[in-house]
C-alpha atoms as a PDB file:
ATOM      1  CA  MET A   1      93.640  25.420 117.434  1.00  0.00           C
ATOM      2  CA  PRO A   2      90.534  23.870 115.847  1.00  0.00           C
ATOM      3  CA  THR A   3      90.029  20.123 115.770  1.00  0.00           C
ATOM      4  CA  ILE A   4      90.309  18.139 112.551  1.00  0.00           C
ATOM      5  CA  ARG A   5      86.525  17.732 112.610  1.00  0.00           C
ATOM      6  CA  GLU A   6      85.954  21.505 112.837  1.00  0.00           C
ATOM      7  CA  THR A   7      88.585  22.224 110.177  1.00  0.00           C
ATOM      8  CA  ILE A   8      86.873  19.821 107.751  1.00  0.00           C
ATOM      9  CA  LEU A   9      83.380  21.159 108.471  1.00  0.00           C
ATOM     10  CA  SER A  10      84.636  24.732 107.991  1.00  0.00           C
ATOM     11  CA  ALA A  11      86.230  23.734 104.669  1.00  0.00           C
ATOM     12  CA  LEU A  12      82.962  22.111 103.557  1.00  0.00           C
ATOM     13  CA  HIS A  13      81.053  25.268 104.518  1.00  0.00           C
ATOM     14  CA  ALA A  14      83.551  27.428 102.627  1.00  0.00           C
ATOM     15  CA  ARG A  15      83.231  25.206  99.540  1.00  0.00           C
ATOM     16  CA  LEU A  16      79.432  25.568  99.589  1.00  0.00           C
ATOM     17  CA  GLN A  17      79.620  29.343 100.014  1.00  0.00           C
ATOM     18  CA  THR A  18      80.962  29.615  96.466  1.00  0.00           C
ATOM     19  CA  LEU A  19      77.499  28.638  95.179  1.00  0.00           C
ATOM     20  CA  ALA A  20      74.795  31.165  94.287  1.00  0.00           C
ATOM     21  CA  ALA A  21      72.502  29.885  97.067  1.00  0.00           C
ATOM     22  CA  LEU A  22      72.764  31.384 100.536  1.00  0.00           C
ATOM     23  CA  THR A  23      74.813  28.978 102.658  1.00  0.00           C
ATOM     24  CA  LEU A  24      74.501  28.991 106.442  1.00  0.00           C
ATOM     25  CA  ARG A  25      75.926  26.761 109.134  1.00  0.00           C
ATOM     26  CA  ASP A  26      73.823  25.506 112.059  1.00  0.00           C
ATOM     27  CA  GLU A  27      71.304  28.325 111.671  1.00  0.00           C
ATOM     28  CA  VAL A  28      67.510  28.247 111.870  1.00  0.00           C
ATOM     29  CA  LEU A  29      65.496  28.406 108.664  1.00  0.00           C
ATOM     30  CA  PRO A  30      65.107  32.116 107.853  1.00  0.00           C
ATOM     31  CA  GLU A  31      61.698  33.631 107.157  1.00  0.00           C
ATOM     32  CA  ARG A  32      62.599  34.225 103.518  1.00  0.00           C
ATOM     33  CA  VAL A  33      64.303  31.816 101.172  1.00  0.00           C
ATOM     34  CA  PRO A  34      66.498  33.620  98.614  1.00  0.00           C
ATOM     35  CA  ALA A  35      65.602  33.186  94.943  1.00  0.00           C
ATOM     36  CA  ALA A  36      68.806  31.181  94.348  1.00  0.00           C
ATOM     37  CA  GLY A  37      67.908  28.800  97.194  1.00  0.00           C
ATOM     38  CA  LEU A  38      69.199  28.068 100.665  1.00  0.00           C
ATOM     39  CA  ILE A  39      71.666  25.544 102.064  1.00  0.00           C
ATOM     40  CA  ILE A  40      72.070  24.998 105.802  1.00  0.00           C
ATOM     41  CA  LEU A  41      75.031  22.863 106.826  1.00  0.00           C
ATOM     42  CA  ARG A  42      74.374  20.854 109.983  1.00  0.00           C
ATOM     43  CA  ASP A  43      77.440  19.400 111.696  1.00  0.00           C
ATOM     44  CA  GLY A  44      75.841  15.967 111.984  1.00  0.00           C
ATOM     45  CA  GLN A  45      77.384  13.009 113.788  1.00  0.00           C
ATOM     46  CA  PRO A  46      80.878  11.555 113.549  1.00  0.00           C
ATOM     47  CA  GLY A  47      79.564   8.122 114.538  1.00  0.00           C
ATOM     48  CA  GLU A  48      81.633   5.311 115.995  1.00  0.00           C
ATOM     49  CA  PRO A  49      85.133   5.286 114.554  1.00  0.00           C
ATOM     50  CA  GLU A  50      87.091   2.301 113.397  1.00  0.00           C
ATOM     51  CA  VAL A  51      90.245   2.189 115.488  1.00  0.00           C
ATOM     52  CA  THR A  52      93.649   0.976 114.395  1.00  0.00           C
ATOM     53  CA  LEU A  53      96.568   0.453 116.742  1.00  0.00           C
ATOM     54  CA  SER A  54     100.260   1.134 116.265  1.00  0.00           C
ATOM     55  CA  PRO A  55      99.970   3.965 115.588  1.00  0.00           C
ATOM     56  CA  LEU A  56      96.655   4.688 117.283  1.00  0.00           C
ATOM     57  CA  ARG A  57      94.235   6.224 114.760  1.00  0.00           C
ATOM     58  CA  TYR A  58      90.495   6.859 114.709  1.00  0.00           C
ATOM     59  CA  HIS A  59      88.879   6.545 111.275  1.00  0.00           C
ATOM     60  CA  TYR A  60      85.564   8.392 111.048  1.00  0.00           C
ATOM     61  CA  GLN A  61      82.715   8.376 108.560  1.00  0.00           C
ATOM     62  CA  HIS A  62      81.197  11.634 109.773  1.00  0.00           C
ATOM     63  CA  ARG A  63      77.649  12.237 108.500  1.00  0.00           C
ATOM     64  CA  ALA A  64      77.109  15.970 108.019  1.00  0.00           C
ATOM     65  CA  GLU A  65      73.768  17.132 106.658  1.00  0.00           C
ATOM     66  CA  LEU A  66      72.823  19.777 104.131  1.00  0.00           C
ATOM     67  CA  GLU A  67      69.299  21.132 104.371  1.00  0.00           C
ATOM     68  CA  VAL A  68      68.553  22.327 100.846  1.00  0.00           C
ATOM     69  CA  VAL A  69      65.515  24.541 100.229  1.00  0.00           C
ATOM     70  CA  VAL A  70      64.132  26.347  97.183  1.00  0.00           C
ATOM     71  CA  GLN A  71      60.977  28.438  96.942  1.00  0.00           C
ATOM     72  CA  THR A  72      59.716  29.614  93.590  1.00  0.00           C
ATOM     73  CA  GLY A  73      56.277  30.185  92.162  1.00  0.00           C
ATOM     74  CA  THR A  74      56.984  28.083  89.078  1.00  0.00           C
ATOM     75  CA  GLY A  75      59.769  25.752  88.103  1.00  0.00           C
ATOM     76  CA  ARG A  76      60.399  24.628  91.670  1.00  0.00           C
ATOM     77  CA  ALA A  77      61.447  21.126  90.629  1.00  0.00           C
ATOM     78  CA  SER A  78      63.978  22.363  88.078  1.00  0.00           C
ATOM     79  CA  ALA A  79      65.345  25.000  90.487  1.00  0.00           C
ATOM     80  CA  PHE A  80      65.797  22.306  93.128  1.00  0.00           C
ATOM     81  CA  ASP A  81      67.418  19.945  90.647  1.00  0.00           C
ATOM     82  CA  SER A  82      69.778  22.678  89.495  1.00  0.00           C
ATOM     83  CA  LEU A  83      70.795  23.534  93.058  1.00  0.00           C
ATOM     84  CA  THR A  84      71.454  19.911  94.017  1.00  0.00           C
ATOM     85  CA  ALA A  85      73.474  19.441  90.811  1.00  0.00           C
ATOM     86  CA  THR A  86      75.643  22.476  91.642  1.00  0.00           C
ATOM     87  CA  ILE A  87      76.219  21.078  95.138  1.00  0.00           C
ATOM     88  CA  GLY A  88      77.332  17.794  93.581  1.00  0.00           C
ATOM     89  CA  THR A  89      79.656  19.579  91.180  1.00  0.00           C
ATOM     90  CA  ALA A  90      81.167  21.680  93.977  1.00  0.00           C
ATOM     91  CA  LEU A  91      81.901  18.557  96.027  1.00  0.00           C
ATOM     92  CA  GLU A  92      83.242  16.584  93.067  1.00  0.00           C
ATOM     93  CA  THR A  93      85.823  19.241  92.153  1.00  0.00           C
ATOM     94  CA  ASP A  94      87.904  18.227  95.172  1.00  0.00           C
ATOM     95  CA  ARG A  95      86.747  15.149  97.070  1.00  0.00           C
ATOM     96  CA  THR A  96      89.426  15.712  99.741  1.00  0.00           C
ATOM     97  CA  LEU A  97      88.622  19.357 100.573  1.00  0.00           C
ATOM     98  CA  GLY A  98      92.175  20.388  99.861  1.00  0.00           C
ATOM     99  CA  GLY A  99      93.693  17.293 101.453  1.00  0.00           C
ATOM    100  CA  LEU A 100      91.893  17.746 104.794  1.00  0.00           C
ATOM    101  CA  CYS A 101      89.644  14.736 104.288  1.00  0.00           C
ATOM    102  CA  ASP A 102      90.216  11.266 102.846  1.00  0.00           C
ATOM    103  CA  TRP A 103      86.972  11.392 100.835  1.00  0.00           C
ATOM    104  CA  VAL A 104      83.723  13.365 100.603  1.00  0.00           C
ATOM    105  CA  GLU A 105      80.665  11.458  99.427  1.00  0.00           C
ATOM    106  CA  PRO A 106      77.181  13.017  99.132  1.00  0.00           C
ATOM    107  CA  GLU A 107      74.141  10.762  99.258  1.00  0.00           C
ATOM    108  CA  ALA A 108      71.072  11.192  97.059  1.00  0.00           C
ATOM    109  CA  PRO A 109      68.408  13.573  98.379  1.00  0.00           C
ATOM    110  CA  ALA A 110      64.854  12.544  99.175  1.00  0.00           C
ATOM    111  CA  SER A 111      62.932  15.726  98.415  1.00  0.00           C
ATOM    112  CA  VAL A 112      59.587  16.841  99.745  1.00  0.00           C
ATOM    113  CA  ASP A 113      57.205  19.663  98.785  1.00  0.00           C
ATOM    114  CA  LEU A 114      56.097  21.774 101.735  1.00  0.00           C
ATOM    115  CA  PRO A 115      53.035  23.995 101.202  1.00  0.00           C
ATOM    116  CA  ILE A 116      53.188  27.465 102.762  1.00  0.00           C
ATOM    117  CA  GLU A 117      49.928  29.281 103.354  1.00  0.00           C
ATOM    118  CA  GLY A 118      49.817  32.481 101.311  1.00  0.00           C
ATOM    119  CA  ALA A 119      53.198  31.896  99.632  1.00  0.00           C
ATOM    120  CA  ALA A 120      54.930  29.704  97.102  1.00  0.00           C
ATOM    121  CA  ALA A 121      55.572  26.173  98.337  1.00  0.00           C
ATOM    122  CA  LEU A 122      59.010  25.053  99.432  1.00  0.00           C
ATOM    123  CA  LYS A 123      60.852  22.125  97.914  1.00  0.00           C
ATOM    124  CA  ALA A 124      63.345  20.787 100.422  1.00  0.00           C
ATOM    125  CA  ALA A 125      65.587  17.840 101.161  1.00  0.00           C
ATOM    126  CA  VAL A 126      68.321  16.739 103.500  1.00  0.00           C
ATOM    127  CA  ILE A 127      71.461  15.635 101.708  1.00  0.00           C
ATOM    128  CA  THR A 128      73.804  13.599 103.867  1.00  0.00           C
ATOM    129  CA  VAL A 129      77.468  14.215 103.119  1.00  0.00           C
ATOM    130  CA  VAL A 130      79.776  11.492 104.429  1.00  0.00           C
ATOM    131  CA  LEU A 131      83.183  12.850 105.401  1.00  0.00           C
ATOM    132  CA  HIS A 132      85.868  10.177 105.709  1.00  0.00           C
ATOM    133  CA  TYR A 133      88.803  11.324 107.855  1.00  0.00           C
ATOM    134  CA  THR A 134      91.322  10.085 110.398  1.00  0.00           C
ATOM    135  CA  THR A 135      92.345  11.594 113.720  1.00  0.00           C
ATOM    136  CA  THR A 136      94.796  10.710 116.480  1.00  0.00           C
ATOM    137  CA  GLY A 137      92.060  10.857 119.116  1.00  0.00           C
ATOM    138  CA  PRO A 138      88.301  11.252 119.482  1.00  0.00           C
ATOM    139  CA  LEU A 139      88.703  14.889 120.590  1.00  0.00           C
ATOM    140  CA  ALA A 140      91.460  15.818 118.132  1.00  0.00           C
END
């Protein structure tokens, strides 16, 4: 049986797979970026939980990361903006991932242009997605 952490990360991955961009989880950057863009979900870090007693509960603010990449000859900025907006919309439709999570909160991206020799430049960013959830133990 998967842990709560894995169940939530799988639900986040499934939510992102509904987008036009190729969505991967913990994969290396492929040689080609699809025209619709690329999203790579990194599991990130659960961090130190707040602990409450009676009953014992661990409250996490898990920081997963989305590596978002677009590569187009022209209109790279608008393609990137469109992709990040669709990610935001997908997350806002259900901030609890079907009741699995207390709250899902994406942070603003800090984008960067990456030149590629002999090809169109990449526009990329890491978007941190904070997943608020509670477990009965650090390994649950």
